[in-house]
Protein backbone atom coordinates (compact mmCIF):
# COMPACT_ATOMS: atom_id res chain seq x y z
CA MET A 1 -0.08 0.24 -0.33
CA SER A 2 1.50 3.60 -0.84
CA GLY A 3 0.05 7.02 -0.76
CA ASP A 4 -1.06 9.61 1.45
CA ILE A 5 -4.90 8.59 1.57
CA THR A 6 -5.56 11.85 4.03
CA ARG A 7 -3.73 14.12 1.34
CA ILE A 8 -5.82 12.56 -1.51
CA ALA A 9 -9.06 13.03 0.34
CA SER A 10 -8.35 16.53 0.97
CA LEU A 11 -7.23 17.34 -2.45
CA ILE A 12 -10.61 15.44 -3.82
CA GLU A 13 -12.65 17.30 -1.63
CA LYS A 14 -11.36 20.80 -2.33
CA GLY A 15 -11.78 19.83 -6.47
CA PRO A 16 -12.72 20.63 -9.23
CA ASN A 17 -12.03 16.95 -10.56
CA ALA A 18 -11.61 15.76 -13.48
CA ILE A 19 -11.52 11.75 -13.03
CA PHE A 20 -10.14 9.50 -15.89
CA LEU A 21 -11.64 6.12 -16.79
CA HIS A 22 -9.28 3.42 -18.37
CA SER A 23 -10.06 2.28 -22.15
CA ASN A 24 -13.44 0.26 -21.98
CA ALA A 25 -13.93 1.11 -18.41
CA ASP A 26 -15.48 -1.71 -16.53
CA LEU A 27 -18.15 -1.54 -13.70
CA ASP A 28 -15.37 -1.45 -10.81
CA CYS A 29 -13.33 1.35 -12.42
CA ALA A 30 -16.87 3.43 -13.54
CA GLY A 31 -18.53 2.65 -10.04
CA ALA A 32 -15.26 4.32 -8.57
CA ALA A 33 -15.47 7.40 -10.72
CA LEU A 34 -19.17 7.85 -10.04
CA ALA A 35 -18.47 7.45 -6.25
CA LEU A 36 -16.10 10.11 -6.05
CA ALA A 37 -18.26 12.20 -8.26
CA VAL A 38 -21.56 11.55 -6.32
CA HIS A 39 -19.85 11.76 -2.70
CA TYR A 40 -17.44 15.04 -3.23
CA GLY A 41 -19.51 16.67 -6.06
CA ASN A 42 -17.50 19.53 -8.14
CA SER A 43 -16.16 16.63 -10.71
CA SER A 44 -16.52 15.26 -14.21
CA LEU A 45 -15.92 12.11 -15.80
CA HIS A 46 -13.35 11.56 -18.97
CA ALA A 47 -13.39 8.59 -20.97
CA PRO A 48 -11.80 9.02 -24.01
CA ALA A 49 -11.24 5.05 -25.22
CA GLY A 50 -15.07 4.46 -23.96
CA VAL A 51 -16.86 2.66 -21.03
CA SER A 52 -18.26 -0.75 -21.36
CA HIS A 53 -22.03 -1.80 -22.07
CA LEU A 54 -22.48 -2.16 -18.35
CA GLY A 55 -20.67 0.64 -17.07
CA LYS A 56 -22.72 2.86 -19.34
CA LYS A 57 -25.92 0.96 -17.99
CA LEU A 58 -24.53 2.12 -14.59
CA MET A 59 -23.45 5.62 -15.92
CA ALA A 60 -27.34 6.01 -17.28
CA ARG A 61 -28.77 4.77 -14.09
CA PHE A 62 -27.47 8.14 -12.60
CA GLY A 63 -28.57 9.97 -15.24
CA THR A 64 -24.77 11.07 -16.67
CA ASP A 65 -22.01 9.97 -18.84
CA ALA A 66 -18.44 10.37 -19.50
CA VAL A 67 -17.30 12.78 -21.87
CA PRO A 68 -14.56 11.49 -24.30
CA ASP A 69 -12.35 14.67 -24.39
CA PHE A 70 -9.49 15.89 -22.35
CA ASP A 71 -10.08 19.85 -22.90
CA SER A 72 -12.70 20.09 -20.13
CA ALA A 73 -10.23 19.05 -17.64
CA ASN A 74 -7.81 21.95 -17.91
CA GLY A 75 -7.42 23.40 -14.40
CA LYS A 76 -8.92 20.55 -12.59
CA ASN A 77 -7.50 18.10 -10.29
CA ILE A 78 -6.47 14.93 -12.58
CA LEU A 79 -7.61 11.65 -11.26
CA VAL A 80 -7.22 8.47 -12.55
CA VAL A 81 -9.13 5.37 -11.49
CA ASP A 82 -8.29 1.77 -11.50
CA ALA A 83 -5.41 2.56 -13.62
CA GLN A 84 -1.77 3.86 -13.15
CA SER A 85 -0.26 4.43 -16.47
CA ASP A 86 -0.43 4.96 -20.45
CA SER A 87 -0.33 1.02 -21.09
CA SER A 88 -3.00 0.50 -18.01
CA LEU A 89 -5.05 3.31 -18.82
CA GLY A 90 -5.14 2.11 -22.72
CA TYR A 91 -4.73 5.75 -23.99
CA GLY A 92 -2.05 8.56 -23.87
CA GLY A 93 -2.48 12.19 -23.09
CA VAL A 94 -2.87 12.10 -19.47
CA ASP A 95 -0.15 14.37 -17.48
CA TRP A 96 1.07 11.97 -14.91
CA SER A 97 2.92 14.70 -13.03
CA LEU A 98 0.08 16.36 -12.30
CA ALA A 99 -2.17 13.01 -11.41
CA THR A 100 -3.62 11.63 -8.49
CA VAL A 101 -4.02 7.59 -8.79
CA ILE A 102 -6.29 5.32 -7.22
CA ASP A 103 -5.43 1.49 -8.28
CA HIS A 104 -5.73 -1.57 -7.44
CA HIS A 105 -3.79 -3.51 -9.70
CA SER A 106 -0.31 -4.83 -9.58
CA GLN A 107 2.56 -2.52 -10.93
CA THR A 108 3.86 -3.56 -14.25
CA GLU A 109 5.93 -0.28 -14.73
CA LYS A 110 6.52 2.33 -12.19
CA CYS A 111 3.92 5.01 -11.34
CA THR A 112 4.92 8.22 -11.86
CA ALA A 113 2.12 10.30 -10.52
CA PRO A 114 2.84 12.34 -7.36
CA ARG A 115 0.21 11.19 -5.35
CA SER A 116 -1.26 7.73 -5.39
CA PHE A 117 -3.26 5.06 -3.41
CA LEU A 118 -2.07 1.64 -4.65
CA ASP A 119 -3.06 -1.58 -3.25
CA PRO A 120 -2.99 -4.93 -5.49
CA LYS A 121 -4.32 -6.87 -2.00
CA ALA A 122 -7.72 -4.70 -2.80
CA THR A 123 -10.34 -6.95 -4.84
CA SER A 124 -11.49 -3.90 -6.16
CA CYS A 125 -10.78 -0.49 -6.72
CA CYS A 126 -14.10 0.70 -4.91
CA GLU A 127 -12.97 -0.71 -2.05
CA LEU A 128 -10.16 2.01 -2.09
CA VAL A 129 -12.38 4.72 -2.78
CA TRP A 130 -14.25 3.80 0.05
CA GLU A 131 -11.40 3.87 2.05
CA ILE A 132 -10.40 7.23 0.71
CA MET A 133 -13.95 8.17 2.05
CA GLY A 134 -13.30 7.78 5.43
CA ARG A 135 -15.84 4.82 6.05
CA PRO A 136 -18.66 7.67 6.83
CA ASP A 137 -21.78 6.51 8.76
CA ASN A 138 -24.02 7.43 6.30
CA ILE A 139 -23.58 8.18 2.56
CA GLY A 140 -26.18 8.37 0.02
CA GLN A 141 -27.87 5.39 -1.79
CA GLU A 142 -26.28 6.38 -5.13
CA ALA A 143 -22.72 6.45 -3.94
CA GLY A 144 -23.48 2.94 -2.10
CA PHE A 145 -24.54 1.71 -5.01
CA ALA A 146 -21.92 2.72 -7.17
CA LEU A 147 -19.27 1.56 -4.65
CA MET A 148 -21.38 -2.19 -4.39
CA ALA A 149 -21.50 -2.30 -8.09
CA GLY A 150 -17.95 -2.17 -8.42
CA ILE A 151 -17.10 -4.86 -5.52
CA ILE A 152 -19.38 -7.02 -7.02
CA ALA A 153 -18.32 -7.19 -10.44
CA ASP A 154 -14.55 -7.56 -9.51
CA THR A 155 -15.09 -10.14 -6.85
CA GLY A 156 -17.33 -12.19 -9.14
CA HIS A 157 -20.73 -11.24 -7.01
CA LEU A 158 -18.51 -11.73 -4.04
CA LYS A 159 -17.05 -15.22 -4.65
CA ARG A 160 -13.38 -14.23 -4.90
CA GLY A 161 -13.73 -11.65 -1.89
CA THR A 162 -11.39 -11.08 1.08
CA ALA A 163 -12.57 -10.37 4.57
CA ARG A 164 -11.46 -7.29 4.23
CA THR A 165 -13.93 -7.19 1.06
CA LEU A 166 -16.71 -8.39 3.18
CA ALA A 167 -15.86 -5.79 6.00
CA ASN A 168 -16.16 -2.96 3.34
CA ALA A 169 -18.91 -4.25 1.54
CA SER A 170 -20.80 -4.96 5.04
CA GLU A 171 -19.89 -0.90 5.94
CA ILE A 172 -21.03 0.11 2.35
CA LEU A 173 -24.75 -1.51 3.08
CA ALA A 174 -24.84 -0.11 6.44
CA ALA A 175 -24.06 3.41 5.46
CA SER A 176 -26.30 3.83 2.47
CA GLY A 177 -29.35 1.64 3.58
CA LEU A 178 -28.90 -0.79 0.92
CA CYS A 179 -29.07 -4.51 1.06
CA LEU A 180 -27.15 -6.94 -1.35
CA GLU A 181 -30.23 -7.89 -3.26
CA ASP A 182 -30.66 -4.26 -4.27
CA VAL A 183 -27.79 -4.21 -6.17
CA GLN A 184 -27.55 -8.06 -7.18
CA ALA A 185 -31.10 -7.64 -8.88
CA ALA A 186 -29.56 -4.75 -11.09
CA PHE A 187 -26.85 -7.41 -12.39
CA GLU A 188 -29.27 -10.09 -12.65
CA SER A 189 -31.82 -8.09 -14.57
CA ALA A 190 -28.90 -6.77 -16.95
CA GLU A 191 -27.46 -10.38 -17.72
CA ASP A 192 -30.79 -11.99 -18.23
CA GLN A 193 -32.50 -9.27 -20.25
CA ASP A 194 -29.96 -8.05 -22.45
CA ILE A 195 -30.35 -10.05 -25.83
CA SER A 196 -27.05 -8.60 -27.47
CA LYS A 197 -24.86 -10.45 -24.32
CA ARG A 198 -27.00 -13.79 -24.53
CA ILE A 199 -26.15 -14.06 -27.81
CA SER A 200 -22.61 -13.50 -27.19
CA ARG A 201 -22.32 -16.31 -25.01
CA LEU A 202 -24.03 -18.87 -26.96
CA LYS A 203 -21.87 -18.00 -29.54
CA GLY A 204 -18.72 -18.29 -27.49
CA ALA A 205 -19.79 -21.81 -26.41
CA GLN A 206 -20.65 -22.76 -30.12
CA ARG A 207 -17.24 -21.59 -31.39
CA MET A 208 -15.25 -23.02 -28.27
CA ARG A 209 -12.36 -25.48 -28.81
CA PHE A 210 -10.32 -26.36 -25.48
CA GLU A 211 -7.54 -28.47 -23.98
CA ARG A 212 -7.00 -30.49 -21.38
CA ILE A 213 -3.82 -30.57 -18.97
CA GLY A 214 -4.18 -33.23 -15.89
CA GLU A 215 -7.21 -32.31 -13.89
CA TRP A 216 -7.29 -28.47 -15.74
CA VAL A 217 -9.68 -27.59 -19.01
CA VAL A 218 -8.57 -24.27 -20.64
CA ALA A 219 -10.84 -22.98 -22.98
CA ALA A 220 -11.00 -20.45 -25.71
CA THR A 221 -13.49 -18.81 -28.27
CA GLU A 222 -13.92 -16.06 -30.32
CA THR A 223 -16.64 -13.65 -30.51
CA GLY A 224 -17.66 -10.04 -32.06
CA ALA A 225 -18.06 -8.40 -28.43
CA PHE A 226 -18.81 -9.11 -24.88
CA GLU A 227 -15.83 -11.19 -24.18
CA SER A 228 -16.18 -10.94 -20.59
CA ALA A 229 -19.68 -12.80 -20.69
CA ALA A 230 -18.44 -15.55 -23.63
CA CYS A 231 -15.94 -16.19 -21.04
CA HIS A 232 -18.07 -16.29 -18.01
CA ALA A 233 -19.97 -19.11 -20.22
CA LEU A 234 -17.07 -20.89 -20.75
CA LEU A 235 -16.21 -21.36 -16.99
CA SER A 236 -19.77 -21.84 -16.08
CA ILE A 237 -20.05 -25.09 -18.67
CA GLY A 238 -16.79 -26.46 -17.09
CA ALA A 239 -13.42 -24.42 -18.00
CA ASP A 240 -11.17 -23.63 -15.37
CA VAL A 241 -9.33 -20.78 -17.68
CA ALA A 242 -11.10 -19.11 -20.70
CA PHE A 243 -10.03 -16.57 -22.83
CA ALA A 244 -12.42 -15.13 -25.49
CA ALA A 245 -11.07 -12.90 -28.17
CA SER A 246 -12.81 -10.11 -30.99
CA ARG A 247 -11.29 -8.86 -33.73
CA LYS A 248 -10.81 -4.99 -34.10
CA GLU A 249 -9.80 -3.00 -37.29
CA GLY A 250 -5.74 -3.30 -37.39
CA GLY A 251 -5.89 -5.78 -34.08
CA PHE A 252 -7.75 -7.65 -31.55
CA ARG A 253 -8.96 -7.96 -27.88
CA ILE A 254 -8.57 -11.01 -25.61
CA THR A 255 -10.22 -11.13 -22.37
CA GLY A 256 -9.22 -14.05 -19.75
CA ARG A 257 -11.00 -15.17 -16.69
CA ALA A 258 -9.82 -18.28 -14.39
CA ASN A 259 -11.72 -19.87 -11.37
CA GLN A 260 -10.63 -19.63 -8.01
CA ALA A 261 -8.78 -23.31 -8.24
CA ALA A 262 -6.74 -21.99 -11.24
CA CYS A 263 -5.87 -18.97 -9.29
CA ILE A 264 -4.92 -20.99 -6.41
CA ALA A 265 -2.56 -22.91 -8.32
CA GLY A 266 -0.61 -19.78 -9.57
CA MET A 267 -2.60 -18.71 -12.99
CA HIS A 268 -2.08 -15.21 -12.75
CA LEU A 269 -3.40 -13.82 -16.29
CA GLY A 270 -2.64 -10.32 -15.43
CA GLU A 271 0.96 -11.26 -15.29
CA MET A 272 0.53 -13.36 -18.58
CA PHE A 273 -0.99 -10.78 -20.57
CA SER A 274 1.47 -8.17 -19.67
CA ALA A 275 4.33 -10.40 -20.93
CA VAL A 276 2.28 -11.27 -24.01
CA ALA A 277 1.64 -7.82 -24.80
CA ALA A 278 4.95 -7.42 -25.57
CA GLU A 279 4.98 -9.82 -28.50
CA CYS A 280 2.01 -8.21 -30.30
CA ASP A 281 2.96 -4.44 -29.70
CA GLY A 282 -0.19 -4.37 -27.27
CA GLU A 283 -1.30 -3.57 -23.84
CA GLY A 284 -2.13 -6.09 -21.08
CA GLY A 285 -2.75 -6.76 -17.58
CA GLY A 286 -5.32 -7.05 -14.76
CA HIS A 287 -5.84 -9.33 -11.76
CA ASP A 288 -5.10 -13.22 -11.03
CA GLY A 289 -8.44 -14.42 -12.60
CA ALA A 290 -9.26 -11.80 -14.69
CA ALA A 291 -7.50 -9.66 -17.49
CA GLY A 292 -7.36 -7.90 -20.66
CA LEU A 293 -4.98 -7.92 -23.60
CA THR A 294 -5.28 -5.45 -26.60
CA GLY A 295 -2.75 -5.80 -29.74
CA SER A 296 -2.13 -6.08 -33.46
CA GLY A 297 -1.66 -9.26 -35.00
CA ASP A 298 -3.59 -12.17 -35.52
CA ALA A 299 -6.43 -13.25 -32.66
CA GLU A 300 -6.44 -16.76 -33.22
CA ALA A 301 -2.52 -16.98 -32.90
CA PHE A 302 -2.64 -15.01 -29.69
CA LEU A 303 -5.54 -16.80 -28.58
CA ASN A 304 -3.12 -20.05 -29.15
CA ILE A 305 -0.46 -18.37 -27.43
CA CYS A 306 -2.43 -17.49 -24.07
CA MET A 307 -4.13 -21.25 -23.91
CA VAL A 308 -0.41 -22.78 -24.38
CA ARG A 309 0.92 -20.24 -21.39
CA ALA A 310 -2.16 -21.14 -19.41
CA MET A 311 -1.64 -25.12 -19.81
CA LYS A 312 2.27 -24.37 -19.04
CA SER A 313 1.27 -22.66 -15.88
CA LEU A 314 -1.37 -25.32 -14.79
CA LYS A 315 0.99 -28.17 -15.76
CA GLY A 316 1.44 -30.73 -12.57
CA LYS A 317 -0.19 -28.64 -10.47
CA GLU A 318 -2.92 -30.44 -8.01
CA ARG A 319 -6.18 -29.13 -7.85
CA GLN A 320 -7.10 -28.23 -4.29
């Protein structure tokens, strides 16, 4: 853990703040940014490289959106959530010498921001935001919902939660007057009713290929979008590690997910993707059980590379 939390909280409270989200911002990133904006006010959200489908749904719930430009950030405190470098942010243009960083990913390169709260032991960025807030006894339901959305998303509905995760979640629910069902119901509704996501999961299963190494199963597929949903579908039908790729103009995007057993055995998708990124002139990283990779080249070839590396990581390991 690093950074002066009190100093960061004071800076954010003073404002005005320009909060930058990483490329294709997920629920944890969007939730952390929204919670900061709602709790402290005087803040604008910036997503030059876009927001994920569910991230947009969360923002729509708040009646807000992230602007795609840098210009309106001039003269404001620069905050970066859920990322700590151009590589993890997914785009350039942020002046890191003026930035304050809040992130829970492992460092793949040195963070150059003068102020940071970095803790890779946290299971979500939203937990760090809650700690920066000072764990108040009362917060609005909007801020509570945003924080819980990020925590639930990054922990697989709390399945990967630690004692610290559950303690933070309990405090947030108590302070906001929400119950877990309030937030989970919104997730279930989005997952079940979104026809595009349902089709993506079905296509992912249809195009799946897999390899077995001892007691482990590694699967891969290609899909046009919603790679994360496709990965979860493969895990739900028996894979221990799943990769889903989509072809983009001039390159590809690969999402990886691993179950708890694979992570306990030593699988770390974030570290693996960071290493593979060097081979495809791309960017990659994340957590042990959830990570992403973008790059140029043949999507199928890099899916194969990911599968081979995953099998090598699990070879000879016992399932606990």
